[in-house]
Amino acid sequence: MKIEYEVENGTDEEITVGGNLEEYDGAGNKGEFYPLDNTMDTLQPGKKLNGVAHFGVESGPIEIYFQPLLSFDNPAVFKVDLK
């Protein structure tokens, strides 16, 4: 599965983008991260970046967790039905 996402840096410091996503399938199994053309970059304050991540998926629906690296905040969770 290919996930395309947009990140906007709303902080006053540079952030790292990439490795911020986790994917879980309909059975609650964590998806395997596939080393394809995934985004690994930095992002300056107030700027945006379009990113890509790839995962192996067994069944849906899936949950995608996003949490900035080195953050102690709760992750954002997105639920997606597969077609």
Protein backbone atom coordinates (compact mmCIF):
# COMPACT_ATOMS: atom_id res chain seq x y z
CA MET A 1 0.00 0.00 0.00
CA LYS A 2 1.25 3.47 -0.88
CA ILE A 3 0.32 6.31 1.49
CA GLU A 4 0.63 9.87 0.21
CA TYR A 5 0.45 12.61 2.81
CA GLU A 6 1.13 16.32 3.35
CA VAL A 7 2.90 17.70 6.41
CA GLU A 8 3.01 21.35 7.47
CA ASN A 9 5.54 22.39 10.07
CA GLY A 10 3.60 24.55 12.52
CA THR A 11 6.50 24.80 14.95
CA ASP A 12 9.31 27.35 15.16
CA GLU A 13 12.00 24.68 14.65
CA GLU A 14 13.08 22.38 11.83
CA ILE A 15 11.42 18.94 12.01
CA THR A 16 12.29 15.54 10.55
CA VAL A 17 9.77 13.91 8.21
CA GLY A 18 9.82 10.20 7.43
CA GLY A 19 9.40 7.24 9.71
CA ASN A 20 6.47 9.08 11.31
CA LEU A 21 3.79 6.57 10.19
CA GLU A 22 2.64 3.19 11.49
CA GLU A 23 -0.04 1.05 9.79
CA TYR A 24 -2.22 -1.64 11.39
CA ASP A 25 -4.50 -4.01 9.47
CA GLY A 26 -8.05 -5.08 10.29
CA ALA A 27 -6.77 -7.83 12.60
CA GLY A 28 -4.60 -5.36 14.57
CA ASN A 29 -1.30 -6.53 13.05
CA LYS A 30 1.35 -3.90 12.47
CA GLY A 31 2.15 -3.52 8.78
CA GLU A 32 5.65 -4.07 7.46
CA PHE A 33 7.37 -0.89 6.27
CA TYR A 34 8.60 -1.41 2.69
CA PRO A 35 11.85 0.39 1.75
CA LEU A 36 10.70 1.88 -1.56
CA ASP A 37 10.62 5.58 -2.52
CA ASN A 38 9.64 6.67 1.01
CA THR A 39 10.10 10.25 2.16
CA MET A 40 12.98 10.96 4.53
CA ASP A 41 13.67 14.70 4.81
CA THR A 42 13.64 17.78 7.02
CA LEU A 43 11.12 20.62 6.98
CA GLN A 44 11.68 24.25 7.99
CA PRO A 45 9.17 26.19 10.16
CA GLY A 46 5.98 27.23 8.34
CA LYS A 47 6.76 25.08 5.27
CA LYS A 48 4.89 22.12 3.73
CA LEU A 49 6.06 18.81 2.27
CA ASN A 50 4.28 16.06 0.32
CA GLY A 51 5.44 12.66 1.56
CA VAL A 52 5.12 9.00 0.62
CA ALA A 53 5.32 5.77 2.67
CA HIS A 54 4.80 2.11 1.67
CA PHE A 55 3.47 -0.75 3.82
CA GLY A 56 2.44 -4.37 3.40
CA VAL A 57 -1.26 -4.89 4.18
CA GLU A 58 -3.05 -8.18 4.90
CA SER A 59 -6.64 -7.04 5.39
CA GLY A 60 -8.76 -3.96 6.01
CA PRO A 61 -9.98 -1.72 7.31
CA ILE A 62 -6.65 -0.22 8.36
CA GLU A 63 -5.52 2.38 10.86
CA ILE A 64 -2.69 4.79 10.11
CA TYR A 65 -0.92 6.44 13.04
CA PHE A 66 1.07 9.64 12.52
CA GLN A 67 3.32 11.08 15.20
CA PRO A 68 6.23 13.48 14.64
CA LEU A 69 9.60 12.05 15.64
CA LEU A 70 10.63 12.88 19.21
CA SER A 71 7.09 14.00 20.07
CA PHE A 72 5.36 13.01 23.30
CA ASP A 73 1.92 14.07 22.02
CA ASN A 74 -0.68 11.45 21.16
CA PRO A 75 -0.51 10.34 17.52
CA ALA A 76 -3.15 11.32 14.97
CA VAL A 77 -5.11 8.21 13.92
CA PHE A 78 -6.74 7.80 10.50
CA LYS A 79 -9.11 4.90 9.75
CA VAL A 80 -9.28 3.79 6.11
CA ASP A 81 -11.43 1.19 4.34
CA LEU A 82 -9.60 -0.75 1.64
CA LYS A 83 -11.21 -1.25 -1.77
